[in-house]
Amino acid sequence: MFLGIDHGTKAIRFATTSNLTFELDRKAASEMCEAEILSAIEKGLSISLDDVKQIAITYSMGDGFSKITDIKKVKNRGVQKKEAGISIGGGTNVFDAIKNSDLPAIVIPGIHTATNIDPRMKVFSHGASPEKIGVAYHAYLKGIRDFVVCDISSNTVTLAVSGGRIIGAIDACIFAPGLTQGPLDLDAIRKVDDGKMSANEAFSKGGVLKMTSFSEVSEMLDSNGDKKEIALKTVALFAAMEICSMILLLKDYDVQNEVIFLAGSLSNVSSVVDEIERLLHAKIKSLGKWSAAIGCAEMSRDIYFGKDEILGIKACL
């Protein structure tokens, strides 16, 4: 059995190659000791960690390294500086629990300027956090070598894969807003310059939730009415625009018949999927919110059995 761990914005998700899944709230994880976290994983998945041959874990931006690496060899949990976005401590506790347990584990890097992608995409310092690699690999294992995958949930991140290699990615702080996080617009820049909030706070409040009167995403999604409809249509519009930009990049690699995947918590919301399909005049394959963790488990398995490269990212163990 192999285990994948997705360090998500709201929760940490665990999945095995035997189709077992479990979600741990990040705040709850922040209040647990390492032994409690390991026990929660075993209980949540109904497994013994002694039966896990290898774990693939993701953490924050993953911008401090560029190769799939043994967890014991990764410095500062694989990040250059303080992680961007919402910092609660749950992901840190899970990472440290796995590292200090001596369970066999590898760490997946993010997409950034040290990654082997299209050099034009390196105008941005960061393209995607590590769990998006899990999503892309899960899509790739469906037998498709040329595709765009757009992960929509708390934030929106889109990757392009050509010939089985990631060639570009657009991170959450660059273009399309998600439910809670999004790029800084003029108003946000002014508030940061005026000292009313940090850039990190502005990013964390840049999603479509700000278009509504709701304070929580769950509250909005459980509601009905125009505010919810406009917010979801806004997510769909910008996700479709971001997908189009990655399709344009693929065309520069002579890809004409790319497949489009959606992942994340909104990939199973029919109104969002239908709206993106309407805007793109294309059919979309939905992967669901577990695809990142499942893809990481699949990476762990394939690397364990000798694969030395994942979507153009080298494994250095």
C-alpha atoms as a PDB file:
ATOM      1  CA  MET A   1       0.000   0.000   0.000  1.00  0.00           C
ATOM      2  CA  PHE A   2       1.147   3.558  -0.802  1.00  0.00           C
ATOM      3  CA  LEU A   3      -0.035   6.802   0.772  1.00  0.00           C
ATOM      4  CA  GLY A   4      -0.388  10.303  -0.674  1.00  0.00           C
ATOM      5  CA  ILE A   5      -0.865  13.476   1.386  1.00  0.00           C
ATOM      6  CA  ASP A   6      -2.414  16.661  -0.039  1.00  0.00           C
ATOM      7  CA  HIS A   7      -1.692  19.810   1.998  1.00  0.00           C
ATOM      8  CA  GLY A   8      -4.839  21.701   1.024  1.00  0.00           C
ATOM      9  CA  THR A   9      -5.966  25.185   2.011  1.00  0.00           C
ATOM     10  CA  LYS A  10      -8.774  24.055   4.306  1.00  0.00           C
ATOM     11  CA  ALA A  11      -7.839  20.470   5.105  1.00  0.00           C
ATOM     12  CA  ILE A  12      -5.127  17.860   4.764  1.00  0.00           C
ATOM     13  CA  ARG A  13      -6.272  14.934   2.633  1.00  0.00           C
ATOM     14  CA  PHE A  14      -4.889  11.417   2.714  1.00  0.00           C
ATOM     15  CA  ALA A  15      -5.418   8.721   0.072  1.00  0.00           C
ATOM     16  CA  THR A  16      -4.016   5.280  -0.617  1.00  0.00           C
ATOM     17  CA  THR A  17      -3.536   3.334  -3.806  1.00  0.00           C
ATOM     18  CA  SER A  18      -6.232   0.980  -2.491  1.00  0.00           C
ATOM     19  CA  ASN A  19      -8.834   3.785  -2.775  1.00  0.00           C
ATOM     20  CA  LEU A  20      -9.041   4.705   0.905  1.00  0.00           C
ATOM     21  CA  THR A  21      -9.466   8.406   1.703  1.00  0.00           C
ATOM     22  CA  PHE A  22      -9.484  10.549   4.838  1.00  0.00           C
ATOM     23  CA  GLU A  23      -9.595  14.288   5.529  1.00  0.00           C
ATOM     24  CA  LEU A  24      -8.132  16.037   8.570  1.00  0.00           C
ATOM     25  CA  ASP A  25      -9.103  19.620   9.358  1.00  0.00           C
ATOM     26  CA  ARG A  26      -6.005  21.834   9.466  1.00  0.00           C
ATOM     27  CA  LYS A  27      -7.015  23.529  12.716  1.00  0.00           C
ATOM     28  CA  ALA A  28      -7.623  20.166  14.371  1.00  0.00           C
ATOM     29  CA  ALA A  29      -4.213  18.971  13.173  1.00  0.00           C
ATOM     30  CA  SER A  30      -2.583  22.103  14.597  1.00  0.00           C
ATOM     31  CA  GLU A  31      -3.745  21.071  18.074  1.00  0.00           C
ATOM     32  CA  MET A  32      -2.475  17.479  17.832  1.00  0.00           C
ATOM     33  CA  CYS A  33       0.861  16.045  18.854  1.00  0.00           C
ATOM     34  CA  GLU A  34       2.751  13.861  16.387  1.00  0.00           C
ATOM     35  CA  ALA A  35       1.543  10.575  17.899  1.00  0.00           C
ATOM     36  CA  GLU A  36      -2.068  11.775  17.739  1.00  0.00           C
ATOM     37  CA  ILE A  37      -1.686  12.688  14.061  1.00  0.00           C
ATOM     38  CA  LEU A  38      -0.289   9.276  13.154  1.00  0.00           C
ATOM     39  CA  SER A  39      -3.086   7.617  15.126  1.00  0.00           C
ATOM     40  CA  ALA A  40      -5.700   9.791  13.367  1.00  0.00           C
ATOM     41  CA  ILE A  41      -4.327   8.763   9.953  1.00  0.00           C
ATOM     42  CA  GLU A  42      -4.500   5.080  10.844  1.00  0.00           C
ATOM     43  CA  LYS A  43      -7.988   5.404  12.271  1.00  0.00           C
ATOM     44  CA  GLY A  44      -9.278   7.595   9.430  1.00  0.00           C
ATOM     45  CA  LEU A  45      -8.001   5.238   6.731  1.00  0.00           C
ATOM     46  CA  SER A  46      -8.536   2.031   8.742  1.00  0.00           C
ATOM     47  CA  ILE A  47      -4.933   0.971   8.092  1.00  0.00           C
ATOM     48  CA  SER A  48      -1.690   0.356   9.920  1.00  0.00           C
ATOM     49  CA  LEU A  49       1.086   2.691   8.814  1.00  0.00           C
ATOM     50  CA  ASP A  50       3.435  -0.261   9.150  1.00  0.00           C
ATOM     51  CA  ASP A  51       1.785  -1.617   5.984  1.00  0.00           C
ATOM     52  CA  VAL A  52       2.582   1.531   3.964  1.00  0.00           C
ATOM     53  CA  LYS A  53       5.618   0.993   1.739  1.00  0.00           C
ATOM     54  CA  GLN A  54       6.141   4.689   0.987  1.00  0.00           C
ATOM     55  CA  ILE A  55       4.428   8.050   1.514  1.00  0.00           C
ATOM     56  CA  ALA A  56       4.433  11.016  -0.869  1.00  0.00           C
ATOM     57  CA  ILE A  57       3.754  14.260   0.976  1.00  0.00           C
ATOM     58  CA  THR A  58       3.231  17.863  -0.143  1.00  0.00           C
ATOM     59  CA  TYR A  59       3.791  20.977   1.927  1.00  0.00           C
ATOM     60  CA  SER A  60       3.000  24.634   1.283  1.00  0.00           C
ATOM     61  CA  MET A  61       4.574  26.185  -1.845  1.00  0.00           C
ATOM     62  CA  GLY A  62       7.351  23.617  -2.233  1.00  0.00           C
ATOM     63  CA  ASP A  63       9.596  26.284  -3.755  1.00  0.00           C
ATOM     64  CA  GLY A  64      12.773  25.464  -1.835  1.00  0.00           C
ATOM     65  CA  PHE A  65      13.697  22.470  -4.007  1.00  0.00           C
ATOM     66  CA  SER A  66      12.952  21.195  -7.508  1.00  0.00           C
ATOM     67  CA  LYS A  67      13.333  17.398  -7.412  1.00  0.00           C
ATOM     68  CA  ILE A  68      11.295  14.712  -5.699  1.00  0.00           C
ATOM     69  CA  THR A  69      13.373  14.138  -2.582  1.00  0.00           C
ATOM     70  CA  ASP A  70      13.585  11.912   0.478  1.00  0.00           C
ATOM     71  CA  ILE A  71      11.913  13.700   3.406  1.00  0.00           C
ATOM     72  CA  LYS A  72      15.084  13.410   5.488  1.00  0.00           C
ATOM     73  CA  LYS A  73      17.029  15.439   2.906  1.00  0.00           C
ATOM     74  CA  VAL A  74      14.574  18.334   2.543  1.00  0.00           C
ATOM     75  CA  LYS A  75      15.518  21.553   4.347  1.00  0.00           C
ATOM     76  CA  ASN A  76      12.960  23.903   5.922  1.00  0.00           C
ATOM     77  CA  ARG A  77      10.159  21.530   4.846  1.00  0.00           C
ATOM     78  CA  GLY A  78      10.911  22.466   1.234  1.00  0.00           C
ATOM     79  CA  VAL A  79       9.963  26.149   1.343  1.00  0.00           C
ATOM     80  CA  GLN A  80      12.197  29.179   0.818  1.00  0.00           C
ATOM     81  CA  LYS A  81      10.550  31.404   3.407  1.00  0.00           C
ATOM     82  CA  LYS A  82       7.336  31.624   5.391  1.00  0.00           C
ATOM     83  CA  GLU A  83       4.533  29.884   3.526  1.00  0.00           C
ATOM     84  CA  ALA A  84       2.066  32.064   1.622  1.00  0.00           C
ATOM     85  CA  GLY A  85      -1.653  31.923   2.256  1.00  0.00           C
ATOM     86  CA  ILE A  86      -3.392  30.881   5.451  1.00  0.00           C
ATOM     87  CA  SER A  87      -0.941  29.586   8.057  1.00  0.00           C
ATOM     88  CA  ILE A  88      -2.598  27.498  10.783  1.00  0.00           C
ATOM     89  CA  GLY A  89       0.046  24.960  11.765  1.00  0.00           C
ATOM     90  CA  GLY A  90      -1.787  21.764  10.889  1.00  0.00           C
ATOM     91  CA  GLY A  91       0.228  21.075   7.756  1.00  0.00           C
ATOM     92  CA  THR A  92       3.452  21.710   9.654  1.00  0.00           C
ATOM     93  CA  ASN A  93       2.455  19.231  12.355  1.00  0.00           C
ATOM     94  CA  VAL A  94       1.556  16.568   9.777  1.00  0.00           C
ATOM     95  CA  PHE A  95       4.842  17.052   7.899  1.00  0.00           C
ATOM     96  CA  ASP A  96       6.881  16.819  11.086  1.00  0.00           C
ATOM     97  CA  ALA A  97       4.923  13.790  12.304  1.00  0.00           C
ATOM     98  CA  ILE A  98       5.722  11.919   9.083  1.00  0.00           C
ATOM     99  CA  LYS A  99       9.379  13.025   9.056  1.00  0.00           C
ATOM    100  CA  ASN A 100      10.021  12.135  12.695  1.00  0.00           C
ATOM    101  CA  SER A 101       8.205   8.809  12.469  1.00  0.00           C
ATOM    102  CA  ASP A 102      10.927   7.268  10.270  1.00  0.00           C
ATOM    103  CA  LEU A 103       8.235   6.058   7.874  1.00  0.00           C
ATOM    104  CA  PRO A 104       9.621   5.952   4.304  1.00  0.00           C
ATOM    105  CA  ALA A 105       8.522   9.212   2.703  1.00  0.00           C
ATOM    106  CA  ILE A 106       9.274  11.448  -0.265  1.00  0.00           C
ATOM    107  CA  VAL A 107       8.445  15.133  -0.697  1.00  0.00           C
ATOM    108  CA  ILE A 108       7.001  16.572  -3.923  1.00  0.00           C
ATOM    109  CA  PRO A 109       8.237  20.019  -5.059  1.00  0.00           C
ATOM    110  CA  GLY A 110       6.118  22.801  -6.480  1.00  0.00           C
ATOM    111  CA  ILE A 111       6.452  24.432  -9.899  1.00  0.00           C
ATOM    112  CA  HIS A 112       8.735  27.489  -9.792  1.00  0.00           C
ATOM    113  CA  THR A 113      11.647  29.114 -11.615  1.00  0.00           C
ATOM    114  CA  ALA A 114      14.013  26.199 -10.921  1.00  0.00           C
ATOM    115  CA  THR A 115      11.606  23.724 -12.563  1.00  0.00           C
ATOM    116  CA  ASN A 116      12.096  22.506 -16.122  1.00  0.00           C
ATOM    117  CA  ILE A 117       9.139  24.325 -17.688  1.00  0.00           C
ATOM    118  CA  ASP A 118       8.719  26.686 -20.645  1.00  0.00           C
ATOM    119  CA  PRO A 119      11.209  29.502 -19.917  1.00  0.00           C
ATOM    120  CA  ARG A 120       8.599  32.146 -20.730  1.00  0.00           C
ATOM    121  CA  MET A 121       6.502  30.965 -17.793  1.00  0.00           C
ATOM    122  CA  LYS A 122       9.396  31.742 -15.453  1.00  0.00           C
ATOM    123  CA  VAL A 123       8.477  35.423 -15.522  1.00  0.00           C
ATOM    124  CA  PHE A 124       6.488  34.418 -12.449  1.00  0.00           C
ATOM    125  CA  SER A 125       8.500  33.120  -9.486  1.00  0.00           C
ATOM    126  CA  HIS A 126       5.939  30.441  -8.687  1.00  0.00           C
ATOM    127  CA  GLY A 127       3.484  28.427 -10.788  1.00  0.00           C
ATOM    128  CA  ALA A 128       1.869  25.775  -8.625  1.00  0.00           C
ATOM    129  CA  SER A 129       2.123  24.202  -5.194  1.00  0.00           C
ATOM    130  CA  PRO A 130       3.135  20.523  -4.938  1.00  0.00           C
ATOM    131  CA  GLU A 131      -0.308  18.938  -4.591  1.00  0.00           C
ATOM    132  CA  LYS A 132      -1.159  20.185  -8.096  1.00  0.00           C
ATOM    133  CA  ILE A 133       1.547  17.817  -9.370  1.00  0.00           C
ATOM    134  CA  GLY A 134      -0.471  15.045  -7.758  1.00  0.00           C
ATOM    135  CA  VAL A 135      -3.584  16.191  -9.623  1.00  0.00           C
ATOM    136  CA  ALA A 136      -1.699  16.319 -12.932  1.00  0.00           C
ATOM    137  CA  TYR A 137      -0.165  12.876 -12.419  1.00  0.00           C
ATOM    138  CA  HIS A 138      -3.561  11.369 -11.603  1.00  0.00           C
ATOM    139  CA  ALA A 139      -4.833  12.823 -14.896  1.00  0.00           C
ATOM    140  CA  TYR A 140      -1.761  11.596 -16.798  1.00  0.00           C
ATOM    141  CA  LEU A 141      -2.299   8.021 -15.614  1.00  0.00           C
ATOM    142  CA  LYS A 142      -5.598   8.000 -17.471  1.00  0.00           C
ATOM    143  CA  GLY A 143      -3.486   7.560 -20.600  1.00  0.00           C
ATOM    144  CA  ILE A 144      -3.482  11.183 -21.784  1.00  0.00           C
ATOM    145  CA  ARG A 145      -0.204  12.984 -22.564  1.00  0.00           C
ATOM    146  CA  ASP A 146      -1.465  16.429 -23.638  1.00  0.00           C
ATOM    147  CA  PHE A 147      -3.886  18.193 -21.329  1.00  0.00           C
ATOM    148  CA  VAL A 148      -4.825  21.159 -19.196  1.00  0.00           C
ATOM    149  CA  VAL A 149      -5.845  20.607 -15.585  1.00  0.00           C
ATOM    150  CA  CYS A 150      -7.532  23.361 -13.595  1.00  0.00           C
ATOM    151  CA  ASP A 151      -7.866  22.899  -9.842  1.00  0.00           C
ATOM    152  CA  ILE A 152     -10.687  25.041  -8.420  1.00  0.00           C
ATOM    153  CA  SER A 153     -11.486  25.278  -4.738  1.00  0.00           C
ATOM    154  CA  SER A 154     -10.252  27.843  -2.203  1.00  0.00           C
ATOM    155  CA  ASN A 155      -7.985  29.032  -5.004  1.00  0.00           C
ATOM    156  CA  THR A 156      -7.614  28.376  -8.728  1.00  0.00           C
ATOM    157  CA  VAL A 157      -4.429  26.947 -10.257  1.00  0.00           C
ATOM    158  CA  THR A 158      -4.017  25.671 -13.824  1.00  0.00           C
ATOM    159  CA  LEU A 159      -1.282  23.514 -15.384  1.00  0.00           C
ATOM    160  CA  ALA A 160      -0.436  22.560 -18.960  1.00  0.00           C
ATOM    161  CA  VAL A 161       1.089  19.177 -19.810  1.00  0.00           C
ATOM    162  CA  SER A 162       2.595  18.431 -23.229  1.00  0.00           C
ATOM    163  CA  GLY A 163       3.991  15.025 -24.133  1.00  0.00           C
ATOM    164  CA  GLY A 164       3.750  13.951 -20.517  1.00  0.00           C
ATOM    165  CA  ARG A 165       5.761  16.933 -19.192  1.00  0.00           C
ATOM    166  CA  ILE A 166       4.524  19.963 -17.283  1.00  0.00           C
ATOM    167  CA  ILE A 167       5.386  22.994 -19.408  1.00  0.00           C
ATOM    168  CA  GLY A 168       3.630  25.746 -17.481  1.00  0.00           C
ATOM    169  CA  ALA A 169       1.434  26.658 -14.557  1.00  0.00           C
ATOM    170  CA  ILE A 170      -0.504  29.709 -13.380  1.00  0.00           C
ATOM    171  CA  ASP A 171      -0.609  30.087  -9.620  1.00  0.00           C
ATOM    172  CA  ALA A 172      -3.463  31.351  -7.458  1.00  0.00           C
ATOM    173  CA  CYS A 173      -1.912  34.766  -6.822  1.00  0.00           C
ATOM    174  CA  ILE A 174      -1.529  35.536 -10.546  1.00  0.00           C
ATOM    175  CA  PHE A 175      -4.844  35.242 -12.381  1.00  0.00           C
ATOM    176  CA  ALA A 176      -8.114  33.459 -11.647  1.00  0.00           C
ATOM    177  CA  PRO A 177      -9.700  33.858  -8.191  1.00  0.00           C
ATOM    178  CA  GLY A 178     -10.918  30.869  -6.236  1.00  0.00           C
ATOM    179  CA  LEU A 179     -13.513  30.811  -3.487  1.00  0.00           C
ATOM    180  CA  THR A 180     -11.374  32.548  -0.842  1.00  0.00           C
ATOM    181  CA  GLN A 181      -7.981  33.412  -2.380  1.00  0.00           C
ATOM    182  CA  GLY A 182      -7.101  35.458  -5.429  1.00  0.00           C
ATOM    183  CA  PRO A 183      -4.719  37.990  -6.996  1.00  0.00           C
ATOM    184  CA  LEU A 184      -4.290  41.474  -5.602  1.00  0.00           C
ATOM    185  CA  ASP A 185      -6.295  44.087  -7.521  1.00  0.00           C
ATOM    186  CA  LEU A 186      -5.825  47.869  -7.376  1.00  0.00           C
ATOM    187  CA  ASP A 187      -7.934  48.252  -4.253  1.00  0.00           C
ATOM    188  CA  ALA A 188      -5.950  45.548  -2.464  1.00  0.00           C
ATOM    189  CA  ILE A 189      -2.619  47.093  -3.517  1.00  0.00           C
ATOM    190  CA  ARG A 190      -3.728  50.436  -2.067  1.00  0.00           C
ATOM    191  CA  LYS A 191      -4.762  48.805   1.208  1.00  0.00           C
ATOM    192  CA  VAL A 192      -1.398  47.062   1.447  1.00  0.00           C
ATOM    193  CA  ASP A 193       0.467  50.304   0.688  1.00  0.00           C
ATOM    194  CA  ASP A 194      -1.644  52.123   3.304  1.00  0.00           C
ATOM    195  CA  GLY A 195      -0.736  49.498   5.899  1.00  0.00           C
ATOM    196  CA  LYS A 196      -4.338  48.343   6.332  1.00  0.00           C
ATOM    197  CA  MET A 197      -3.426  44.720   5.609  1.00  0.00           C
ATOM    198  CA  SER A 198      -0.473  42.593   4.565  1.00  0.00           C
ATOM    199  CA  ALA A 199      -0.108  41.299   1.006  1.00  0.00           C
ATOM    200  CA  ASN A 200      -0.716  37.815   2.377  1.00  0.00           C
ATOM    201  CA  GLU A 201      -3.986  38.939   3.970  1.00  0.00           C
ATOM    202  CA  ALA A 202      -5.037  40.612   0.731  1.00  0.00           C
ATOM    203  CA  PHE A 203      -4.347  37.419  -1.225  1.00  0.00           C
ATOM    204  CA  SER A 204      -6.262  35.358   1.323  1.00  0.00           C
ATOM    205  CA  LYS A 205      -9.303  37.630   0.864  1.00  0.00           C
ATOM    206  CA  GLY A 206      -9.073  37.953  -2.917  1.00  0.00           C
ATOM    207  CA  GLY A 207     -11.538  35.196  -3.834  1.00  0.00           C
ATOM    208  CA  VAL A 208     -15.140  35.478  -4.963  1.00  0.00           C
ATOM    209  CA  LEU A 209     -16.423  35.188  -1.395  1.00  0.00           C
ATOM    210  CA  LYS A 210     -15.805  38.942  -1.147  1.00  0.00           C
ATOM    211  CA  MET A 211     -18.594  39.452  -3.718  1.00  0.00           C
ATOM    212  CA  THR A 212     -21.103  38.064  -1.233  1.00  0.00           C
ATOM    213  CA  SER A 213     -22.298  38.853   2.291  1.00  0.00           C
ATOM    214  CA  PHE A 214     -21.159  35.454   3.549  1.00  0.00           C
ATOM    215  CA  SER A 215     -18.209  35.059   5.898  1.00  0.00           C
ATOM    216  CA  GLU A 216     -17.580  31.376   5.154  1.00  0.00           C
ATOM    217  CA  VAL A 217     -17.465  29.393   1.908  1.00  0.00           C
ATOM    218  CA  SER A 218     -19.628  26.604   3.349  1.00  0.00           C
ATOM    219  CA  GLU A 219     -22.287  29.170   4.226  1.00  0.00           C
ATOM    220  CA  MET A 220     -22.298  30.461   0.647  1.00  0.00           C
ATOM    221  CA  LEU A 221     -22.393  27.021  -0.964  1.00  0.00           C
ATOM    222  CA  ASP A 222     -25.299  25.940   1.251  1.00  0.00           C
ATOM    223  CA  SER A 223     -27.320  29.012   0.271  1.00  0.00           C
ATOM    224  CA  ASN A 224     -29.447  29.915  -2.718  1.00  0.00           C
ATOM    225  CA  GLY A 225     -29.852  33.205  -4.534  1.00  0.00           C
ATOM    226  CA  ASP A 226     -28.241  35.662  -6.908  1.00  0.00           C
ATOM    227  CA  LYS A 227     -25.103  36.325  -4.837  1.00  0.00           C
ATOM    228  CA  LYS A 228     -24.125  32.662  -4.852  1.00  0.00           C
ATOM    229  CA  GLU A 229     -24.929  32.300  -8.564  1.00  0.00           C
ATOM    230  CA  ILE A 230     -22.854  35.331  -9.546  1.00  0.00           C
ATOM    231  CA  ALA A 231     -19.942  34.207  -7.360  1.00  0.00           C
ATOM    232  CA  LEU A 232     -19.872  30.721  -8.896  1.00  0.00           C
ATOM    233  CA  LYS A 233     -20.244  32.119 -12.420  1.00  0.00           C
ATOM    234  CA  THR A 234     -17.319  34.427 -11.686  1.00  0.00           C
ATOM    235  CA  VAL A 235     -15.140  31.485 -10.611  1.00  0.00           C
ATOM    236  CA  ALA A 236     -16.185  29.625 -13.772  1.00  0.00           C
ATOM    237  CA  LEU A 237     -15.486  32.591 -16.056  1.00  0.00           C
ATOM    238  CA  PHE A 238     -11.968  33.201 -14.815  1.00  0.00           C
ATOM    239  CA  ALA A 239     -11.167  29.489 -14.638  1.00  0.00           C
ATOM    240  CA  ALA A 240     -12.241  29.201 -18.289  1.00  0.00           C
ATOM    241  CA  MET A 241     -10.042  32.165 -19.196  1.00  0.00           C
ATOM    242  CA  GLU A 242      -7.079  30.595 -17.409  1.00  0.00           C
ATOM    243  CA  ILE A 243      -7.693  27.277 -19.178  1.00  0.00           C
ATOM    244  CA  CYS A 244      -7.705  29.139 -22.511  1.00  0.00           C
ATOM    245  CA  SER A 245      -4.323  30.662 -21.717  1.00  0.00           C
ATOM    246  CA  MET A 246      -2.845  27.211 -21.106  1.00  0.00           C
ATOM    247  CA  ILE A 247      -4.438  25.883 -24.308  1.00  0.00           C
ATOM    248  CA  LEU A 248      -2.651  28.708 -26.144  1.00  0.00           C
ATOM    249  CA  LEU A 249       0.646  27.596 -24.615  1.00  0.00           C
ATOM    250  CA  LEU A 250      -0.025  23.994 -25.694  1.00  0.00           C
ATOM    251  CA  LYS A 251      -0.677  25.115 -29.264  1.00  0.00           C
ATOM    252  CA  ASP A 252       2.863  26.500 -29.309  1.00  0.00           C
ATOM    253  CA  TYR A 253       3.929  22.881 -28.680  1.00  0.00           C
ATOM    254  CA  ASP A 254       1.876  21.677 -31.674  1.00  0.00           C
ATOM    255  CA  VAL A 255      -0.844  20.248 -29.428  1.00  0.00           C
ATOM    256  CA  GLN A 256      -4.201  20.472 -31.194  1.00  0.00           C
ATOM    257  CA  ASN A 257      -6.411  18.041 -29.316  1.00  0.00           C
ATOM    258  CA  GLU A 258      -5.811  18.646 -25.649  1.00  0.00           C
ATOM    259  CA  VAL A 259      -8.071  17.222 -22.958  1.00  0.00           C
ATOM    260  CA  ILE A 260      -9.390  19.499 -20.201  1.00  0.00           C
ATOM    261  CA  PHE A 261      -9.607  18.278 -16.606  1.00  0.00           C
ATOM    262  CA  LEU A 262     -11.126  19.966 -13.579  1.00  0.00           C
ATOM    263  CA  ALA A 263     -10.102  19.107 -10.026  1.00  0.00           C
ATOM    264  CA  GLY A 264     -10.777  20.439  -6.553  1.00  0.00           C
ATOM    265  CA  SER A 265     -13.948  20.839  -4.528  1.00  0.00           C
ATOM    266  CA  LEU A 266     -15.769  22.732  -7.302  1.00  0.00           C
ATOM    267  CA  SER A 267     -15.017  20.135  -9.985  1.00  0.00           C
ATOM    268  CA  ASN A 268     -18.104  18.196  -8.891  1.00  0.00           C
ATOM    269  CA  VAL A 269     -20.392  21.233  -8.669  1.00  0.00           C
ATOM    270  CA  SER A 270     -22.546  20.807 -11.768  1.00  0.00           C
ATOM    271  CA  SER A 271     -23.345  24.515 -12.231  1.00  0.00           C
ATOM    272  CA  VAL A 272     -19.623  25.377 -12.303  1.00  0.00           C
ATOM    273  CA  VAL A 273     -18.728  22.519 -14.666  1.00  0.00           C
ATOM    274  CA  ASP A 274     -21.653  23.320 -16.985  1.00  0.00           C
ATOM    275  CA  GLU A 275     -20.720  26.988 -17.106  1.00  0.00           C
ATOM    276  CA  ILE A 276     -17.072  26.288 -17.957  1.00  0.00           C
ATOM    277  CA  GLU A 277     -18.151  23.841 -20.669  1.00  0.00           C
ATOM    278  CA  ARG A 278     -20.516  26.474 -22.077  1.00  0.00           C
ATOM    279  CA  LEU A 279     -17.796  29.120 -22.135  1.00  0.00           C
ATOM    280  CA  LEU A 280     -15.177  26.846 -23.690  1.00  0.00           C
ATOM    281  CA  HIS A 281     -17.527  24.944 -26.032  1.00  0.00           C
ATOM    282  CA  ALA A 282     -15.773  21.792 -24.841  1.00  0.00           C
ATOM    283  CA  LYS A 283     -16.431  18.753 -22.684  1.00  0.00           C
ATOM    284  CA  ILE A 284     -14.560  18.517 -19.399  1.00  0.00           C
ATOM    285  CA  LYS A 285     -13.459  15.550 -17.322  1.00  0.00           C
ATOM    286  CA  SER A 286     -13.916  16.053 -13.559  1.00  0.00           C
ATOM    287  CA  LEU A 287     -11.375  14.485 -11.218  1.00  0.00           C
ATOM    288  CA  GLY A 288     -12.847  15.481  -7.849  1.00  0.00           C
ATOM    289  CA  LYS A 289     -11.314  16.822  -4.643  1.00  0.00           C
ATOM    290  CA  TRP A 290      -9.361  13.643  -3.835  1.00  0.00           C
ATOM    291  CA  SER A 291      -7.330  13.647  -7.054  1.00  0.00           C
ATOM    292  CA  ALA A 292      -4.303  15.418  -5.517  1.00  0.00           C
ATOM    293  CA  ALA A 293      -3.912  12.940  -2.670  1.00  0.00           C
ATOM    294  CA  ILE A 294      -4.598   9.973  -4.958  1.00  0.00           C
ATOM    295  CA  GLY A 295      -2.087  11.244  -7.515  1.00  0.00           C
ATOM    296  CA  CYS A 296       0.543  11.609  -4.803  1.00  0.00           C
ATOM    297  CA  ALA A 297      -0.097   8.012  -3.704  1.00  0.00           C
ATOM    298  CA  GLU A 298       0.285   6.905  -7.329  1.00  0.00           C
ATOM    299  CA  MET A 299       3.554   8.856  -7.594  1.00  0.00           C
ATOM    300  CA  SER A 300       4.815   7.203  -4.431  1.00  0.00           C
ATOM    301  CA  ARG A 301       4.026   3.768  -5.827  1.00  0.00           C
ATOM    302  CA  ASP A 302       5.622   4.367  -9.223  1.00  0.00           C
ATOM    303  CA  ILE A 303       8.785   5.910  -7.771  1.00  0.00           C
ATOM    304  CA  TYR A 304       9.060   3.029  -5.309  1.00  0.00           C
ATOM    305  CA  PHE A 305       9.062   0.623  -8.248  1.00  0.00           C
ATOM    306  CA  GLY A 306      11.793   2.507 -10.107  1.00  0.00           C
ATOM    307  CA  LYS A 307      10.302   5.476 -11.961  1.00  0.00           C
ATOM    308  CA  ASP A 308      12.865   8.301 -11.823  1.00  0.00           C
ATOM    309  CA  GLU A 309      10.815  11.123 -13.354  1.00  0.00           C
ATOM    310  CA  ILE A 310       7.249  12.378 -12.909  1.00  0.00           C
ATOM    311  CA  LEU A 311       5.859  14.738 -15.567  1.00  0.00           C
ATOM    312  CA  GLY A 312       9.374  16.082 -16.211  1.00  0.00           C
ATOM    313  CA  ILE A 313      10.280  16.368 -12.522  1.00  0.00           C
ATOM    314  CA  LYS A 314      13.288  14.257 -11.552  1.00  0.00           C
ATOM    315  CA  ALA A 315      13.317  11.991  -8.520  1.00  0.00           C
ATOM    316  CA  CYS A 316      16.532  12.332  -6.491  1.00  0.00           C
ATOM    317  CA  LEU A 317      16.332   9.930  -3.561  1.00  0.00           C
END
